[in-house]
């Protein structure tokens, strides 16, 4: 029943900024571990940032200082603010919502991705 959908991608110049959104439906995003991943052409999917629980945020070491993850529970939306973008940030960005319990019980949702291209 649940679904997450990314939006906000596009073409930006190096040094520019972009804010991605991930809107959930059918699930209460505030109850889930949430995060952003990205996949560049020919590369494996890479963790960008997560909100593992309320009050906690994690950003990949290489992206700290430029990327910020946040969540608005009232809007049931996850955000990724990206600043000082570099060409190497070019990728498809995916949002994830995950709820796990016990040894093997998992409720997990992935969006279809939004393309971010950083180029002059």
C-alpha atoms as a PDB file:
ATOM      1  CA  UNK A   1       0.000   0.000   0.000  1.00  0.00           C
ATOM      2  CA  UNK A   2       2.877   2.361   0.680  1.00  0.00           C
ATOM      3  CA  UNK A   3       4.740   4.424  -1.861  1.00  0.00           C
ATOM      4  CA  UNK A   4       7.504   7.012  -1.893  1.00  0.00           C
ATOM      5  CA  UNK A   5       8.074   9.360  -4.819  1.00  0.00           C
ATOM      6  CA  UNK A   6      11.092  11.593  -5.411  1.00  0.00           C
ATOM      7  CA  UNK A   7      11.005  14.974  -7.072  1.00  0.00           C
ATOM      8  CA  UNK A   8      13.163  18.044  -7.499  1.00  0.00           C
ATOM      9  CA  UNK A   9      15.963  16.738  -9.665  1.00  0.00           C
ATOM     10  CA  UNK A  10      17.274  18.526 -12.696  1.00  0.00           C
ATOM     11  CA  UNK A  11      20.251  20.127 -14.375  1.00  0.00           C
ATOM     12  CA  UNK A  12      22.379  22.519 -12.333  1.00  0.00           C
ATOM     13  CA  UNK A  13      25.745  24.162 -12.812  1.00  0.00           C
ATOM     14  CA  UNK A  14      28.723  23.342 -10.614  1.00  0.00           C
ATOM     15  CA  UNK A  15      28.472  25.273  -7.363  1.00  0.00           C
ATOM     16  CA  UNK A  16      24.704  25.389  -7.554  1.00  0.00           C
ATOM     17  CA  UNK A  17      22.112  24.051  -5.143  1.00  0.00           C
ATOM     18  CA  UNK A  18      19.173  21.732  -5.390  1.00  0.00           C
ATOM     19  CA  UNK A  19      16.575  20.447  -2.942  1.00  0.00           C
ATOM     20  CA  UNK A  20      15.079  17.019  -3.458  1.00  0.00           C
ATOM     21  CA  UNK A  21      11.797  15.873  -1.970  1.00  0.00           C
ATOM     22  CA  UNK A  22      10.476  12.425  -1.224  1.00  0.00           C
ATOM     23  CA  UNK A  23       6.780  12.301  -0.498  1.00  0.00           C
ATOM     24  CA  UNK A  24       5.256   9.210   1.056  1.00  0.00           C
ATOM     25  CA  UNK A  25       1.736   7.929   0.771  1.00  0.00           C
ATOM     26  CA  UNK A  26       0.084   4.977   2.429  1.00  0.00           C
ATOM     27  CA  UNK A  27       2.678   4.945   5.206  1.00  0.00           C
ATOM     28  CA  UNK A  28       3.555   7.219   8.067  1.00  0.00           C
ATOM     29  CA  UNK A  29       7.101   8.264   7.237  1.00  0.00           C
ATOM     30  CA  UNK A  30       7.732   9.322  10.797  1.00  0.00           C
ATOM     31  CA  UNK A  31       7.646   5.682  11.883  1.00  0.00           C
ATOM     32  CA  UNK A  32      10.327   4.568   9.427  1.00  0.00           C
ATOM     33  CA  UNK A  33      14.050   4.739   9.061  1.00  0.00           C
ATOM     34  CA  UNK A  34      14.482   7.016   6.064  1.00  0.00           C
ATOM     35  CA  UNK A  35      17.317   7.934   3.789  1.00  0.00           C
ATOM     36  CA  UNK A  36      18.706   8.951   0.453  1.00  0.00           C
ATOM     37  CA  UNK A  37      20.870   6.911  -1.874  1.00  0.00           C
ATOM     38  CA  UNK A  38      22.346   7.678  -5.255  1.00  0.00           C
ATOM     39  CA  UNK A  39      23.647   5.743  -8.207  1.00  0.00           C
ATOM     40  CA  UNK A  40      25.938   7.222 -10.817  1.00  0.00           C
ATOM     41  CA  UNK A  41      26.315   5.696 -14.284  1.00  0.00           C
ATOM     42  CA  UNK A  42      28.341   2.504 -14.089  1.00  0.00           C
ATOM     43  CA  UNK A  43      28.564   2.692 -10.307  1.00  0.00           C
ATOM     44  CA  UNK A  44      26.989   0.893  -7.386  1.00  0.00           C
ATOM     45  CA  UNK A  45      24.260   2.454  -5.308  1.00  0.00           C
ATOM     46  CA  UNK A  46      25.755   4.677  -2.633  1.00  0.00           C
ATOM     47  CA  UNK A  47      24.425   5.822   0.707  1.00  0.00           C
ATOM     48  CA  UNK A  48      24.006   9.598   0.873  1.00  0.00           C
ATOM     49  CA  UNK A  49      22.274  10.356   4.159  1.00  0.00           C
ATOM     50  CA  UNK A  50      19.851   8.825   6.634  1.00  0.00           C
ATOM     51  CA  UNK A  51      17.495   9.637   9.456  1.00  0.00           C
ATOM     52  CA  UNK A  52      17.674   6.419  11.479  1.00  0.00           C
ATOM     53  CA  UNK A  53      15.351   7.742  14.177  1.00  0.00           C
ATOM     54  CA  UNK A  54      13.868  10.958  15.426  1.00  0.00           C
ATOM     55  CA  UNK A  55      16.530  13.427  16.440  1.00  0.00           C
ATOM     56  CA  UNK A  56      19.321  11.733  14.503  1.00  0.00           C
ATOM     57  CA  UNK A  57      20.758  12.443  11.076  1.00  0.00           C
ATOM     58  CA  UNK A  58      23.714  10.917   9.290  1.00  0.00           C
ATOM     59  CA  UNK A  59      25.470  12.137   6.178  1.00  0.00           C
ATOM     60  CA  UNK A  60      28.153  10.267   4.289  1.00  0.00           C
ATOM     61  CA  UNK A  61      31.577  11.535   5.289  1.00  0.00           C
ATOM     62  CA  UNK A  62      32.427  12.705   1.806  1.00  0.00           C
ATOM     63  CA  UNK A  63      29.244  14.785   1.638  1.00  0.00           C
ATOM     64  CA  UNK A  64      29.240  16.394   5.059  1.00  0.00           C
ATOM     65  CA  UNK A  65      29.084  20.149   4.902  1.00  0.00           C
ATOM     66  CA  UNK A  66      27.362  20.154   1.524  1.00  0.00           C
ATOM     67  CA  UNK A  67      24.357  17.849   1.943  1.00  0.00           C
ATOM     68  CA  UNK A  68      21.664  18.021   4.612  1.00  0.00           C
ATOM     69  CA  UNK A  69      18.853  15.566   5.221  1.00  0.00           C
ATOM     70  CA  UNK A  70      15.622  16.530   6.939  1.00  0.00           C
ATOM     71  CA  UNK A  71      12.062  15.345   7.334  1.00  0.00           C
ATOM     72  CA  UNK A  72       8.754  17.112   7.736  1.00  0.00           C
ATOM     73  CA  UNK A  73       6.427  14.646   9.412  1.00  0.00           C
ATOM     74  CA  UNK A  74       3.429  16.934   9.012  1.00  0.00           C
ATOM     75  CA  UNK A  75       3.927  16.805   5.242  1.00  0.00           C
ATOM     76  CA  UNK A  76       5.055  13.163   5.273  1.00  0.00           C
ATOM     77  CA  UNK A  77       8.049  14.251   3.222  1.00  0.00           C
ATOM     78  CA  UNK A  78      11.782  13.621   3.308  1.00  0.00           C
ATOM     79  CA  UNK A  79      14.196  16.226   1.940  1.00  0.00           C
ATOM     80  CA  UNK A  80      17.763  16.392   0.744  1.00  0.00           C
ATOM     81  CA  UNK A  81      19.337  19.825   0.478  1.00  0.00           C
ATOM     82  CA  UNK A  82      22.375  19.764  -1.788  1.00  0.00           C
ATOM     83  CA  UNK A  83      24.738  22.719  -1.928  1.00  0.00           C
ATOM     84  CA  UNK A  84      27.996  23.444  -3.728  1.00  0.00           C
ATOM     85  CA  UNK A  85      27.222  20.738  -6.217  1.00  0.00           C
ATOM     86  CA  UNK A  86      30.008  19.114  -8.159  1.00  0.00           C
ATOM     87  CA  UNK A  87      29.974  17.161 -11.420  1.00  0.00           C
ATOM     88  CA  UNK A  88      30.699  13.993  -9.459  1.00  0.00           C
ATOM     89  CA  UNK A  89      27.354  14.436  -7.690  1.00  0.00           C
ATOM     90  CA  UNK A  90      25.637  13.557 -10.945  1.00  0.00           C
ATOM     91  CA  UNK A  91      23.481  10.506 -10.280  1.00  0.00           C
ATOM     92  CA  UNK A  92      19.986   9.192  -9.888  1.00  0.00           C
ATOM     93  CA  UNK A  93      18.895   9.900  -6.344  1.00  0.00           C
ATOM     94  CA  UNK A  94      16.570   7.503  -4.538  1.00  0.00           C
ATOM     95  CA  UNK A  95      14.705   7.780  -1.284  1.00  0.00           C
ATOM     96  CA  UNK A  96      14.093   4.866   1.031  1.00  0.00           C
ATOM     97  CA  UNK A  97      11.784   4.144   3.922  1.00  0.00           C
ATOM     98  CA  UNK A  98      12.446   1.045   6.004  1.00  0.00           C
ATOM     99  CA  UNK A  99      10.944  -0.587   9.052  1.00  0.00           C
ATOM    100  CA  UNK A 100      12.456  -3.788  10.391  1.00  0.00           C
ATOM    101  CA  UNK A 101      11.640  -6.008  13.308  1.00  0.00           C
ATOM    102  CA  UNK A 102      12.666  -9.439  14.498  1.00  0.00           C
ATOM    103  CA  UNK A 103      15.187 -11.372  12.448  1.00  0.00           C
ATOM    104  CA  UNK A 104      13.692 -11.083   8.990  1.00  0.00           C
ATOM    105  CA  UNK A 105      10.601  -8.910   9.004  1.00  0.00           C
ATOM    106  CA  UNK A 106      11.083  -5.849   6.831  1.00  0.00           C
ATOM    107  CA  UNK A 107       8.747  -3.237   5.421  1.00  0.00           C
ATOM    108  CA  UNK A 108      10.746  -1.332   2.823  1.00  0.00           C
ATOM    109  CA  UNK A 109       9.936   1.159   0.097  1.00  0.00           C
ATOM    110  CA  UNK A 110      12.051   2.652  -2.666  1.00  0.00           C
ATOM    111  CA  UNK A 111      11.217   5.470  -5.006  1.00  0.00           C
ATOM    112  CA  UNK A 112      11.819   5.385  -8.736  1.00  0.00           C
ATOM    113  CA  UNK A 113      14.557   7.987  -8.482  1.00  0.00           C
ATOM    114  CA  UNK A 114      15.118  11.515  -9.690  1.00  0.00           C
ATOM    115  CA  UNK A 115      17.975  12.509 -11.968  1.00  0.00           C
ATOM    116  CA  UNK A 116      20.467  15.110 -10.797  1.00  0.00           C
ATOM    117  CA  UNK A 117      22.936  16.337 -13.385  1.00  0.00           C
ATOM    118  CA  UNK A 118      25.683  18.791 -12.471  1.00  0.00           C
ATOM    119  CA  UNK A 119      27.319  20.208 -15.559  1.00  0.00           C
ATOM    120  CA  UNK A 120      28.375  23.481 -17.095  1.00  0.00           C
END
